[in-house]
Structure formats: C-alpha cells, structure tokens
Amino acid sequence: MRSALHVTLLAAGIFTSALTIAPPASAACTANDASEAAPRRAVNAAALGNILADARMALADGDFAEACVKFRLVLSVDPGNLDARVGLGEGALGEGDGVLAQSHFLAVTNAAEDNVIAWQGLGLALLSVNDPVRAEPYLRRAVDRDPTLWRAWNGLGVIADTRSDWPAADAAWQAGIAAAPAETALFNNKGMSLMQRGDAQAAIEAFDEALRLRPNLQMASNNRRLALALTGDYDGALSGLNDAALPTAMNNVAVVAARRGDRAIADRLLAAALTAAPRYYELAARNREALARSPRR
C-alpha cells in the first residue's frame, strides 16, 4: 500500500528539466496566431535576419515573450520562414503550452520532413503533455540523425525511466552528457533516475556534478538533500539551510525517514517542522497524523 505521507518537492520538476517551464505572467508565445497575419511590411533581408537573430538570443535567455513577438514579426513578413516557426514552437514549449508547440513543430515537419530540430521539438512537446509513446519515435529519429541533440537524449532518458528500463536510461544519460557535458539538466535528471532505482549514493554524485556546474541550482540542491536522506544521513540532508527553507526540508526528510522505517526520527522532524514554520504548516501536520496512524513494520 502506498504511504499516505507527502513530500513537498519529491515529485516536483524532477523529470522536467529542459522539457517544460511554468507559464510566465505574459504568454506571448501562446497568443492568438492572428498576429502573424499583420500587414506585410517592406523589410529587407538583412533587417529580417537581425530580427531573427535577436529572437533567437531572447529565446536562449529564456525571455519567451520577447522572442515570440520577434518570431511573429518575421512570420508576418515571411510566412514561410521555418526558422521563425521553429522558434515559436520552442517559445510555446518554454511557456508550458505543449499542444500549441506541437502545431508549430508539425507545420515545420510537414514543410521540411528532414528538420531534426523540429523532430526534437515535437518529441519534447508530446512528452510535456505526458504522451511518451508518441514522443519517443520523434526523439529517436532526431538523435539518430544528430547525436548532439542533448535535449532529445534528455527526453529519451526520462521515457526510459518511466518504464524502469535502466540500461536504456543509462545509455541516454551517457549520450546526452557526451553531447553537452555542461548541461546541468542532464546531471539532475540522471541523479533522479539513479534515486528512482535505489542507488542514492550514485545519485548524490550526479547532483554534485550539477551543482559544480551551477552552484545555485536549487532543484539539484533539493534533490541532493533527498538522496542524502535516503542514505540515512539526515543531518547532512538538513545542513546549511536558512530558517525559511528549514521547515519544508524537515518535512521532506521526515517522509524519507518514515519510508526507511526510522519512525522516531520522522516524528521528531515533523514536530520540529511545525515549530519552525512561521505559520501553521498543514502538510507537516497531516504527515505527522498519517505517521501516527500507519502500522509499524
């Protein structure tokens, strides 16, 4: 029977790095496509190229709104511009609209069947809406044609993990890291894959590498704390936290401790989380009640 205790961060974002991003306050990429039908302007090729370059730079910086405004401007002048259409797909994917992203990437693949970036984007868009069966062939086709597409490898690793196909997962992480050794998302997701199969120590090493590359990567730091807790190092899992972060971390570590059978430690941590929280901590209270009700093993 599944435990009734709940962790705040355990399932949040662990397999979605570089796949989906929460929609921002202004979602220009998911705006009505009618803006593409604006009156065509007399824009020379050089100016259009500059707009496209600016859009790509904004996309790389995570400024999806700015990127999509510029991609739409390009399409208003040059409706057949596939680079701008791919950019809109990437922007929609970044804003969390996998359905709209699919439509953009499909439009590109229909016009140019060999566009591997669109294959990758289509696979990631399908994966973002929880359709790994349809996503996998597109991602596989992308890496077969271009093994440097690390985001496609990342998606294939996630898909393998959903099937508990650890050899396929390991192959995907290895290929992705070989293609992009500085991408923290790959190490974070590899770490989650290793935790999923019960190898917490190896997971810690993967999270350590992600944090070496990007010391302020909160997702990897949180996941590393959970991996430490899985090894029984509860003190290590809670070390170095500020007062604001401590209640949530104590709740999460308590859940791991309870699952490991350390009920007394779990209860103490949940009680401490309730005391440390600046206001009533409902999740920790529910977890403590569930722990008291659950049968001892």
C-alpha atoms as a PDB file:
ATOM      1  CA  MET A   1       0.000   0.000   0.000  1.00  0.00           C
ATOM      2  CA  ARG A   2       1.322   3.425  -0.908  1.00  0.00           C
ATOM      3  CA  SER A   3       2.387   5.649   2.002  1.00  0.00           C
ATOM      4  CA  ALA A   4      -0.015   8.421   2.920  1.00  0.00           C
ATOM      5  CA  LEU A   5       2.858  10.782   3.752  1.00  0.00           C
ATOM      6  CA  HIS A   6       3.681  13.519   1.288  1.00  0.00           C
ATOM      7  CA  VAL A   7       6.866  15.283   0.288  1.00  0.00           C
ATOM      8  CA  THR A   8       6.661  18.849  -0.924  1.00  0.00           C
ATOM      9  CA  LEU A   9       9.424  18.644  -3.526  1.00  0.00           C
ATOM     10  CA  LEU A  10       9.985  14.964  -4.242  1.00  0.00           C
ATOM     11  CA  ALA A  11       7.889  14.826  -7.387  1.00  0.00           C
ATOM     12  CA  ALA A  12       8.045  18.467  -8.400  1.00  0.00           C
ATOM     13  CA  GLY A  13      10.023  19.120 -11.521  1.00  0.00           C
ATOM     14  CA  ILE A  14      12.347  16.155 -11.167  1.00  0.00           C
ATOM     15  CA  PHE A  15      11.993  14.880 -14.712  1.00  0.00           C
ATOM     16  CA  THR A  16      11.038  18.056 -16.491  1.00  0.00           C
ATOM     17  CA  SER A  17      14.263  19.984 -16.715  1.00  0.00           C
ATOM     18  CA  ALA A  18      14.610  21.376 -20.223  1.00  0.00           C
ATOM     19  CA  LEU A  19      11.213  19.925 -21.129  1.00  0.00           C
ATOM     20  CA  THR A  20       8.591  22.244 -19.699  1.00  0.00           C
ATOM     21  CA  ILE A  21       8.635  25.553 -17.878  1.00  0.00           C
ATOM     22  CA  ALA A  22       5.830  27.121 -15.895  1.00  0.00           C
ATOM     23  CA  PRO A  23       3.958  29.740 -17.934  1.00  0.00           C
ATOM     24  CA  PRO A  24       5.063  33.312 -17.201  1.00  0.00           C
ATOM     25  CA  ALA A  25       2.671  36.128 -16.371  1.00  0.00           C
ATOM     26  CA  SER A  26       2.615  37.216 -20.029  1.00  0.00           C
ATOM     27  CA  ALA A  27       2.455  34.348 -22.508  1.00  0.00           C
ATOM     28  CA  ALA A  28       3.263  35.924 -25.866  1.00  0.00           C
ATOM     29  CA  CYS A  29       4.050  32.574 -27.451  1.00  0.00           C
ATOM     30  CA  THR A  30       0.563  31.309 -26.711  1.00  0.00           C
ATOM     31  CA  ALA A  31      -1.130  34.444 -28.016  1.00  0.00           C
ATOM     32  CA  ASN A  32      -3.646  34.312 -30.832  1.00  0.00           C
ATOM     33  CA  ASP A  33      -1.894  33.374 -34.068  1.00  0.00           C
ATOM     34  CA  ALA A  34      -3.853  36.116 -35.835  1.00  0.00           C
ATOM     35  CA  SER A  35      -0.936  38.433 -35.049  1.00  0.00           C
ATOM     36  CA  GLU A  36       1.033  36.599 -37.734  1.00  0.00           C
ATOM     37  CA  ALA A  37      -1.409  37.894 -40.322  1.00  0.00           C
ATOM     38  CA  ALA A  38      -0.433  41.525 -39.776  1.00  0.00           C
ATOM     39  CA  PRO A  39       0.066  43.579 -42.957  1.00  0.00           C
ATOM     40  CA  ARG A  40       3.321  42.658 -44.623  1.00  0.00           C
ATOM     41  CA  ARG A  41       5.988  45.280 -44.328  1.00  0.00           C
ATOM     42  CA  ALA A  42       8.770  46.137 -46.699  1.00  0.00           C
ATOM     43  CA  VAL A  43      11.694  44.698 -44.731  1.00  0.00           C
ATOM     44  CA  ASN A  44      14.966  43.842 -46.402  1.00  0.00           C
ATOM     45  CA  ALA A  45      16.709  40.512 -45.876  1.00  0.00           C
ATOM     46  CA  ALA A  46      19.395  41.966 -43.627  1.00  0.00           C
ATOM     47  CA  ALA A  47      16.866  43.558 -41.274  1.00  0.00           C
ATOM     48  CA  LEU A  48      14.846  40.343 -41.179  1.00  0.00           C
ATOM     49  CA  GLY A  49      17.983  38.395 -40.336  1.00  0.00           C
ATOM     50  CA  ASN A  50      18.730  40.785 -37.488  1.00  0.00           C
ATOM     51  CA  ILE A  51      15.220  40.370 -36.069  1.00  0.00           C
ATOM     52  CA  LEU A  52      15.573  36.594 -36.256  1.00  0.00           C
ATOM     53  CA  ALA A  53      18.963  36.741 -34.518  1.00  0.00           C
ATOM     54  CA  ASP A  54      17.519  38.923 -31.751  1.00  0.00           C
ATOM     55  CA  ALA A  55      14.622  36.487 -31.346  1.00  0.00           C
ATOM     56  CA  ARG A  56      17.000  33.540 -31.003  1.00  0.00           C
ATOM     57  CA  MET A  57      19.031  35.415 -28.412  1.00  0.00           C
ATOM     58  CA  ALA A  58      15.906  36.198 -26.386  1.00  0.00           C
ATOM     59  CA  LEU A  59      14.875  32.540 -26.619  1.00  0.00           C
ATOM     60  CA  ALA A  60      18.288  31.415 -25.361  1.00  0.00           C
ATOM     61  CA  ASP A  61      17.958  33.838 -22.441  1.00  0.00           C
ATOM     62  CA  GLY A  62      14.551  32.433 -21.511  1.00  0.00           C
ATOM     63  CA  ASP A  63      12.727  35.622 -22.490  1.00  0.00           C
ATOM     64  CA  PHE A  64       9.989  33.774 -24.347  1.00  0.00           C
ATOM     65  CA  ALA A  65       7.659  36.749 -24.621  1.00  0.00           C
ATOM     66  CA  GLU A  66      10.250  38.902 -26.371  1.00  0.00           C
ATOM     67  CA  ALA A  67      11.384  36.014 -28.562  1.00  0.00           C
ATOM     68  CA  CYS A  68       7.892  35.174 -29.753  1.00  0.00           C
ATOM     69  CA  VAL A  69       6.990  38.765 -30.520  1.00  0.00           C
ATOM     70  CA  LYS A  70      10.004  38.892 -32.833  1.00  0.00           C
ATOM     71  CA  PHE A  71       9.383  35.462 -34.361  1.00  0.00           C
ATOM     72  CA  ARG A  72       5.817  36.552 -35.155  1.00  0.00           C
ATOM     73  CA  LEU A  73       7.132  39.722 -36.727  1.00  0.00           C
ATOM     74  CA  VAL A  74       9.346  37.648 -39.008  1.00  0.00           C
ATOM     75  CA  LEU A  75       6.389  35.462 -39.983  1.00  0.00           C
ATOM     76  CA  SER A  76       4.230  38.497 -40.697  1.00  0.00           C
ATOM     77  CA  VAL A  77       6.762  39.450 -43.364  1.00  0.00           C
ATOM     78  CA  ASP A  78       7.876  35.974 -44.416  1.00  0.00           C
ATOM     79  CA  PRO A  79       5.104  33.444 -43.648  1.00  0.00           C
ATOM     80  CA  GLY A  80       7.182  30.515 -44.889  1.00  0.00           C
ATOM     81  CA  ASN A  81      10.160  31.166 -42.613  1.00  0.00           C
ATOM     82  CA  LEU A  82      10.692  27.786 -40.937  1.00  0.00           C
ATOM     83  CA  ASP A  83      13.313  29.087 -38.501  1.00  0.00           C
ATOM     84  CA  ALA A  84      10.776  31.520 -37.072  1.00  0.00           C
ATOM     85  CA  ARG A  85       8.157  28.760 -36.923  1.00  0.00           C
ATOM     86  CA  VAL A  86      10.569  26.512 -35.010  1.00  0.00           C
ATOM     87  CA  GLY A  87      11.262  29.449 -32.702  1.00  0.00           C
ATOM     88  CA  LEU A  88       7.569  29.863 -31.957  1.00  0.00           C
ATOM     89  CA  GLY A  89       7.388  26.155 -31.173  1.00  0.00           C
ATOM     90  CA  GLU A  90      10.306  26.450 -28.774  1.00  0.00           C
ATOM     91  CA  GLY A  91       8.730  29.527 -27.199  1.00  0.00           C
ATOM     92  CA  ALA A  92       5.391  27.794 -26.707  1.00  0.00           C
ATOM     93  CA  LEU A  93       7.211  24.818 -25.206  1.00  0.00           C
ATOM     94  CA  GLY A  94       9.066  27.181 -22.876  1.00  0.00           C
ATOM     95  CA  GLU A  95       5.786  28.783 -21.796  1.00  0.00           C
ATOM     96  CA  GLY A  96       4.355  25.359 -20.990  1.00  0.00           C
ATOM     97  CA  ASP A  97       1.917  25.053 -23.923  1.00  0.00           C
ATOM     98  CA  GLY A  98       2.832  21.660 -25.348  1.00  0.00           C
ATOM     99  CA  VAL A  99      -0.267  21.495 -27.523  1.00  0.00           C
ATOM    100  CA  LEU A 100       0.489  24.744 -29.360  1.00  0.00           C
ATOM    101  CA  ALA A 101       4.165  23.777 -29.592  1.00  0.00           C
ATOM    102  CA  GLN A 102       3.133  20.587 -31.388  1.00  0.00           C
ATOM    103  CA  SER A 103       1.216  22.568 -34.009  1.00  0.00           C
ATOM    104  CA  HIS A 104       4.245  24.738 -34.796  1.00  0.00           C
ATOM    105  CA  PHE A 105       6.676  21.822 -34.997  1.00  0.00           C
ATOM    106  CA  LEU A 106       4.255  19.792 -37.110  1.00  0.00           C
ATOM    107  CA  ALA A 107       3.952  22.690 -39.538  1.00  0.00           C
ATOM    108  CA  VAL A 108       7.733  22.626 -39.919  1.00  0.00           C
ATOM    109  CA  THR A 109       7.973  18.852 -40.402  1.00  0.00           C
ATOM    110  CA  ASN A 110       5.174  18.996 -42.981  1.00  0.00           C
ATOM    111  CA  ALA A 111       7.122  21.612 -44.946  1.00  0.00           C
ATOM    112  CA  ALA A 112      10.588  20.116 -44.412  1.00  0.00           C
ATOM    113  CA  GLU A 113      10.475  16.481 -43.369  1.00  0.00           C
ATOM    114  CA  ASP A 114      14.191  16.318 -42.521  1.00  0.00           C
ATOM    115  CA  ASN A 115      14.205  19.167 -39.960  1.00  0.00           C
ATOM    116  CA  VAL A 116      15.750  17.424 -36.950  1.00  0.00           C
ATOM    117  CA  ILE A 117      15.234  20.392 -34.622  1.00  0.00           C
ATOM    118  CA  ALA A 118      11.512  20.174 -35.304  1.00  0.00           C
ATOM    119  CA  TRP A 119      11.597  16.404 -34.651  1.00  0.00           C
ATOM    120  CA  GLN A 120      13.250  17.051 -31.319  1.00  0.00           C
ATOM    121  CA  GLY A 121      10.773  19.827 -30.505  1.00  0.00           C
ATOM    122  CA  LEU A 122       7.797  17.694 -31.447  1.00  0.00           C
ATOM    123  CA  GLY A 123       9.025  14.852 -29.254  1.00  0.00           C
ATOM    124  CA  LEU A 124       9.580  17.185 -26.313  1.00  0.00           C
ATOM    125  CA  ALA A 125       6.179  18.805 -26.825  1.00  0.00           C
ATOM    126  CA  LEU A 126       4.490  15.397 -26.764  1.00  0.00           C
ATOM    127  CA  LEU A 127       6.459  14.415 -23.686  1.00  0.00           C
ATOM    128  CA  SER A 128       5.407  17.653 -21.965  1.00  0.00           C
ATOM    129  CA  VAL A 129       1.754  16.587 -22.311  1.00  0.00           C
ATOM    130  CA  ASN A 130       2.528  13.106 -20.950  1.00  0.00           C
ATOM    131  CA  ASP A 131       2.493  11.223 -24.234  1.00  0.00           C
ATOM    132  CA  PRO A 132       5.821   9.336 -24.144  1.00  0.00           C
ATOM    133  CA  VAL A 133       4.666   6.651 -26.593  1.00  0.00           C
ATOM    134  CA  ARG A 134       4.195   9.166 -29.392  1.00  0.00           C
ATOM    135  CA  ALA A 135       7.161  11.259 -28.276  1.00  0.00           C
ATOM    136  CA  GLU A 136       9.780   8.527 -28.397  1.00  0.00           C
ATOM    137  CA  PRO A 137       9.948   7.931 -32.181  1.00  0.00           C
ATOM    138  CA  TYR A 138      10.467  11.639 -32.884  1.00  0.00           C
ATOM    139  CA  LEU A 139      13.205  11.920 -30.271  1.00  0.00           C
ATOM    140  CA  ARG A 140      14.870   8.748 -31.508  1.00  0.00           C
ATOM    141  CA  ARG A 141      14.750   9.959 -35.104  1.00  0.00           C
ATOM    142  CA  ALA A 142      16.320  13.250 -34.008  1.00  0.00           C
ATOM    143  CA  VAL A 143      19.311  11.695 -32.226  1.00  0.00           C
ATOM    144  CA  ASP A 144      19.800   9.098 -34.954  1.00  0.00           C
ATOM    145  CA  ARG A 145      20.290  11.955 -37.396  1.00  0.00           C
ATOM    146  CA  ASP A 146      22.109  14.309 -34.988  1.00  0.00           C
ATOM    147  CA  PRO A 147      23.596  12.748 -31.809  1.00  0.00           C
ATOM    148  CA  THR A 148      24.470  16.205 -30.432  1.00  0.00           C
ATOM    149  CA  LEU A 149      20.811  16.999 -29.651  1.00  0.00           C
ATOM    150  CA  TRP A 150      21.131  16.690 -25.883  1.00  0.00           C
ATOM    151  CA  ARG A 151      17.545  17.705 -25.154  1.00  0.00           C
ATOM    152  CA  ALA A 152      16.316  14.766 -27.204  1.00  0.00           C
ATOM    153  CA  TRP A 153      18.621  12.458 -25.212  1.00  0.00           C
ATOM    154  CA  ASN A 154      17.260  14.009 -22.034  1.00  0.00           C
ATOM    155  CA  GLY A 155      13.726  13.217 -23.165  1.00  0.00           C
ATOM    156  CA  LEU A 156      14.689   9.646 -24.064  1.00  0.00           C
ATOM    157  CA  GLY A 157      16.222   9.224 -20.616  1.00  0.00           C
ATOM    158  CA  VAL A 158      13.005  10.398 -18.993  1.00  0.00           C
ATOM    159  CA  ILE A 159      10.971   7.996 -21.127  1.00  0.00           C
ATOM    160  CA  ALA A 160      13.252   5.087 -20.227  1.00  0.00           C
ATOM    161  CA  ASP A 161      12.861   5.944 -16.547  1.00  0.00           C
ATOM    162  CA  THR A 162       9.073   5.810 -16.814  1.00  0.00           C
ATOM    163  CA  ARG A 163       9.486   2.201 -17.986  1.00  0.00           C
ATOM    164  CA  SER A 164      12.194   1.379 -15.420  1.00  0.00           C
ATOM    165  CA  ASP A 165      14.392   0.481 -18.394  1.00  0.00           C
ATOM    166  CA  TRP A 166      17.656   1.299 -16.653  1.00  0.00           C
ATOM    167  CA  PRO A 167      20.056   0.224 -19.447  1.00  0.00           C
ATOM    168  CA  ALA A 168      18.222   2.492 -21.902  1.00  0.00           C
ATOM    169  CA  ALA A 169      18.180   5.295 -19.341  1.00  0.00           C
ATOM    170  CA  ASP A 170      21.916   4.962 -18.704  1.00  0.00           C
ATOM    171  CA  ALA A 171      22.597   4.987 -22.446  1.00  0.00           C
ATOM    172  CA  ALA A 172      20.534   8.144 -22.876  1.00  0.00           C
ATOM    173  CA  TRP A 173      22.227   9.986 -19.996  1.00  0.00           C
ATOM    174  CA  GLN A 174      25.655   8.920 -21.227  1.00  0.00           C
ATOM    175  CA  ALA A 175      24.969  10.084 -24.781  1.00  0.00           C
ATOM    176  CA  GLY A 176      23.393  13.327 -23.621  1.00  0.00           C
ATOM    177  CA  ILE A 177      26.283  14.192 -21.321  1.00  0.00           C
ATOM    178  CA  ALA A 178      28.782  13.333 -24.060  1.00  0.00           C
ATOM    179  CA  ALA A 179      26.950  15.753 -26.357  1.00  0.00           C
ATOM    180  CA  ALA A 180      26.588  18.521 -23.747  1.00  0.00           C
ATOM    181  CA  PRO A 181      28.851  17.957 -20.722  1.00  0.00           C
ATOM    182  CA  ALA A 182      27.970  21.327 -19.179  1.00  0.00           C
ATOM    183  CA  GLU A 183      24.172  20.935 -19.190  1.00  0.00           C
ATOM    184  CA  THR A 184      23.017  20.684 -15.594  1.00  0.00           C
ATOM    185  CA  ALA A 185      19.588  19.317 -16.513  1.00  0.00           C
ATOM    186  CA  LEU A 186      21.193  16.079 -17.676  1.00  0.00           C
ATOM    187  CA  PHE A 187      23.025  15.520 -14.392  1.00  0.00           C
ATOM    188  CA  ASN A 188      19.964  16.446 -12.331  1.00  0.00           C
ATOM    189  CA  ASN A 189      17.739  14.041 -14.244  1.00  0.00           C
ATOM    190  CA  LYS A 190      20.402  11.327 -14.195  1.00  0.00           C
ATOM    191  CA  GLY A 191      20.504  11.738 -10.419  1.00  0.00           C
ATOM    192  CA  MET A 192      16.743  11.338 -10.196  1.00  0.00           C
ATOM    193  CA  SER A 193      16.982   8.241 -12.380  1.00  0.00           C
ATOM    194  CA  LEU A 194      19.534   6.735 -10.003  1.00  0.00           C
ATOM    195  CA  MET A 195      17.389   7.620  -6.974  1.00  0.00           C
ATOM    196  CA  GLN A 196      14.387   6.026  -8.648  1.00  0.00           C
ATOM    197  CA  ARG A 197      16.252   2.734  -8.921  1.00  0.00           C
ATOM    198  CA  GLY A 198      17.544   2.935  -5.340  1.00  0.00           C
ATOM    199  CA  ASP A 199      21.164   3.997  -5.879  1.00  0.00           C
ATOM    200  CA  ALA A 200      21.184   7.099  -3.690  1.00  0.00           C
ATOM    201  CA  GLN A 201      24.976   7.337  -3.417  1.00  0.00           C
ATOM    202  CA  ALA A 202      25.446   7.431  -7.185  1.00  0.00           C
ATOM    203  CA  ALA A 203      22.590   9.958  -7.356  1.00  0.00           C
ATOM    204  CA  ILE A 204      24.440  12.239  -4.938  1.00  0.00           C
ATOM    205  CA  GLU A 205      27.460  12.182  -7.260  1.00  0.00           C
ATOM    206  CA  ALA A 206      25.269  13.232 -10.201  1.00  0.00           C
ATOM    207  CA  PHE A 207      23.707  16.072  -8.201  1.00  0.00           C
ATOM    208  CA  ASP A 208      27.188  17.123  -7.053  1.00  0.00           C
ATOM    209  CA  GLU A 209      28.241  17.461 -10.684  1.00  0.00           C
ATOM    210  CA  ALA A 210      25.154  19.539 -11.494  1.00  0.00           C
ATOM    211  CA  LEU A 211      25.952  21.811  -8.561  1.00  0.00           C
ATOM    212  CA  ARG A 212      29.608  22.048  -9.540  1.00  0.00           C
ATOM    213  CA  LEU A 213      28.472  23.374 -12.914  1.00  0.00           C
ATOM    214  CA  ARG A 214      25.808  25.636 -11.406  1.00  0.00           C
ATOM    215  CA  PRO A 215      26.161  26.111  -7.652  1.00  0.00           C
ATOM    216  CA  ASN A 216      22.832  27.938  -7.268  1.00  0.00           C
ATOM    217  CA  LEU A 217      20.720  25.250  -8.990  1.00  0.00           C
ATOM    218  CA  GLN A 218      18.014  24.872  -6.350  1.00  0.00           C
ATOM    219  CA  MET A 219      16.375  21.829  -7.918  1.00  0.00           C
ATOM    220  CA  ALA A 220      19.606  19.817  -7.807  1.00  0.00           C
ATOM    221  CA  SER A 221      20.320  21.025  -4.270  1.00  0.00           C
ATOM    222  CA  ASN A 222      16.868  19.931  -3.073  1.00  0.00           C
ATOM    223  CA  ASN A 223      17.168  16.574  -4.814  1.00  0.00           C
ATOM    224  CA  ARG A 224      20.636  16.040  -3.325  1.00  0.00           C
ATOM    225  CA  ARG A 225      19.202  16.549   0.152  1.00  0.00           C
ATOM    226  CA  LEU A 226      16.602  13.855  -0.529  1.00  0.00           C
ATOM    227  CA  ALA A 227      19.320  11.499  -1.767  1.00  0.00           C
ATOM    228  CA  LEU A 228      21.339  12.115   1.409  1.00  0.00           C
ATOM    229  CA  ALA A 229      18.239  11.331   3.455  1.00  0.00           C
ATOM    230  CA  LEU A 230      17.804   8.091   1.526  1.00  0.00           C
ATOM    231  CA  THR A 231      21.282   7.043   2.695  1.00  0.00           C
ATOM    232  CA  GLY A 232      20.297   7.795   6.300  1.00  0.00           C
ATOM    233  CA  ASP A 233      22.370  10.966   6.510  1.00  0.00           C
ATOM    234  CA  TYR A 234      19.575  13.117   7.908  1.00  0.00           C
ATOM    235  CA  ASP A 235      21.922  15.683   9.445  1.00  0.00           C
ATOM    236  CA  GLY A 236      23.680  16.152   6.115  1.00  0.00           C
ATOM    237  CA  ALA A 237      20.349  16.496   4.347  1.00  0.00           C
ATOM    238  CA  LEU A 238      19.410  19.400   6.617  1.00  0.00           C
ATOM    239  CA  SER A 239      22.758  21.145   6.926  1.00  0.00           C
ATOM    240  CA  GLY A 240      23.346  24.656   5.652  1.00  0.00           C
ATOM    241  CA  LEU A 241      19.680  25.627   5.343  1.00  0.00           C
ATOM    242  CA  ASN A 242      18.351  29.036   6.279  1.00  0.00           C
ATOM    243  CA  ASP A 243      15.361  29.431   8.587  1.00  0.00           C
ATOM    244  CA  ALA A 244      12.930  29.969   5.710  1.00  0.00           C
ATOM    245  CA  ALA A 245      13.859  26.726   3.942  1.00  0.00           C
ATOM    246  CA  LEU A 246      14.171  24.542   7.036  1.00  0.00           C
ATOM    247  CA  PRO A 247      10.500  23.592   7.695  1.00  0.00           C
ATOM    248  CA  THR A 248       9.933  22.268   4.156  1.00  0.00           C
ATOM    249  CA  ALA A 249      13.231  20.408   4.195  1.00  0.00           C
ATOM    250  CA  MET A 250      12.462  18.826   7.577  1.00  0.00           C
ATOM    251  CA  ASN A 251       9.070  17.683   6.283  1.00  0.00           C
ATOM    252  CA  ASN A 252      10.662  16.124   3.199  1.00  0.00           C
ATOM    253  CA  VAL A 253      13.453  14.416   5.121  1.00  0.00           C
ATOM    254  CA  ALA A 254      10.890  13.152   7.644  1.00  0.00           C
ATOM    255  CA  VAL A 255       8.943  11.460   4.858  1.00  0.00           C
ATOM    256  CA  VAL A 256      12.109   9.739   3.634  1.00  0.00           C
ATOM    257  CA  ALA A 257      12.973   8.708   7.198  1.00  0.00           C
ATOM    258  CA  ALA A 258       9.491   7.233   7.662  1.00  0.00           C
ATOM    259  CA  ARG A 259       9.826   5.247   4.438  1.00  0.00           C
ATOM    260  CA  ARG A 260      13.162   3.927   5.667  1.00  0.00           C
ATOM    261  CA  GLY A 261      11.500   2.793   8.894  1.00  0.00           C
ATOM    262  CA  ASP A 262      13.022   5.491  11.124  1.00  0.00           C
ATOM    263  CA  ARG A 263       9.690   6.464  12.645  1.00  0.00           C
ATOM    264  CA  ALA A 264      11.026   8.175  15.759  1.00  0.00           C
ATOM    265  CA  ILE A 265      13.314  10.396  13.705  1.00  0.00           C
ATOM    266  CA  ALA A 266      10.479  11.149  11.295  1.00  0.00           C
ATOM    267  CA  ASP A 267       8.169  12.172  14.118  1.00  0.00           C
ATOM    268  CA  ARG A 268      10.800  14.431  15.684  1.00  0.00           C
ATOM    269  CA  LEU A 269      11.489  16.120  12.341  1.00  0.00           C
ATOM    270  CA  LEU A 270       7.794  16.715  11.668  1.00  0.00           C
ATOM    271  CA  ALA A 271       7.334  18.169  15.142  1.00  0.00           C
ATOM    272  CA  ALA A 272      10.341  20.421  14.571  1.00  0.00           C
ATOM    273  CA  ALA A 273       8.967  21.482  11.179  1.00  0.00           C
ATOM    274  CA  LEU A 274       5.705  22.536  12.834  1.00  0.00           C
ATOM    275  CA  THR A 275       7.610  24.525  15.436  1.00  0.00           C
ATOM    276  CA  ALA A 276       9.977  26.170  12.942  1.00  0.00           C
ATOM    277  CA  ALA A 277       7.324  27.165  10.416  1.00  0.00           C
ATOM    278  CA  PRO A 278       6.291  30.833  10.706  1.00  0.00           C
ATOM    279  CA  ARG A 279       2.636  29.849  10.327  1.00  0.00           C
ATOM    280  CA  TYR A 280       0.570  26.669  10.544  1.00  0.00           C
ATOM    281  CA  TYR A 281       2.239  24.018   8.362  1.00  0.00           C
ATOM    282  CA  GLU A 282      -0.685  21.901   7.215  1.00  0.00           C
ATOM    283  CA  LEU A 283       1.340  19.389   5.184  1.00  0.00           C
ATOM    284  CA  ALA A 284       3.662  18.577   8.074  1.00  0.00           C
ATOM    285  CA  ALA A 285       0.673  18.280  10.421  1.00  0.00           C
ATOM    286  CA  ARG A 286      -1.062  15.856   8.051  1.00  0.00           C
ATOM    287  CA  ASN A 287       2.113  13.842   7.660  1.00  0.00           C
ATOM    288  CA  ARG A 288       2.549  13.563  11.424  1.00  0.00           C
ATOM    289  CA  GLU A 289      -1.040  12.375  11.783  1.00  0.00           C
ATOM    290  CA  ALA A 290      -0.542   9.856   8.987  1.00  0.00           C
ATOM    291  CA  LEU A 291       2.644   8.610  10.613  1.00  0.00           C
ATOM    292  CA  ALA A 292       0.831   8.058  13.907  1.00  0.00           C
ATOM    293  CA  ARG A 293      -1.953   6.117  12.159  1.00  0.00           C
ATOM    294  CA  SER A 294       0.300   3.971   9.969  1.00  0.00           C
ATOM    295  CA  PRO A 295       1.101   0.418  11.166  1.00  0.00           C
ATOM    296  CA  ARG A 296       4.590  -0.245  12.465  1.00  0.00           C
ATOM    297  CA  ARG A 297       6.720  -2.504  10.321  1.00  0.00           C
END
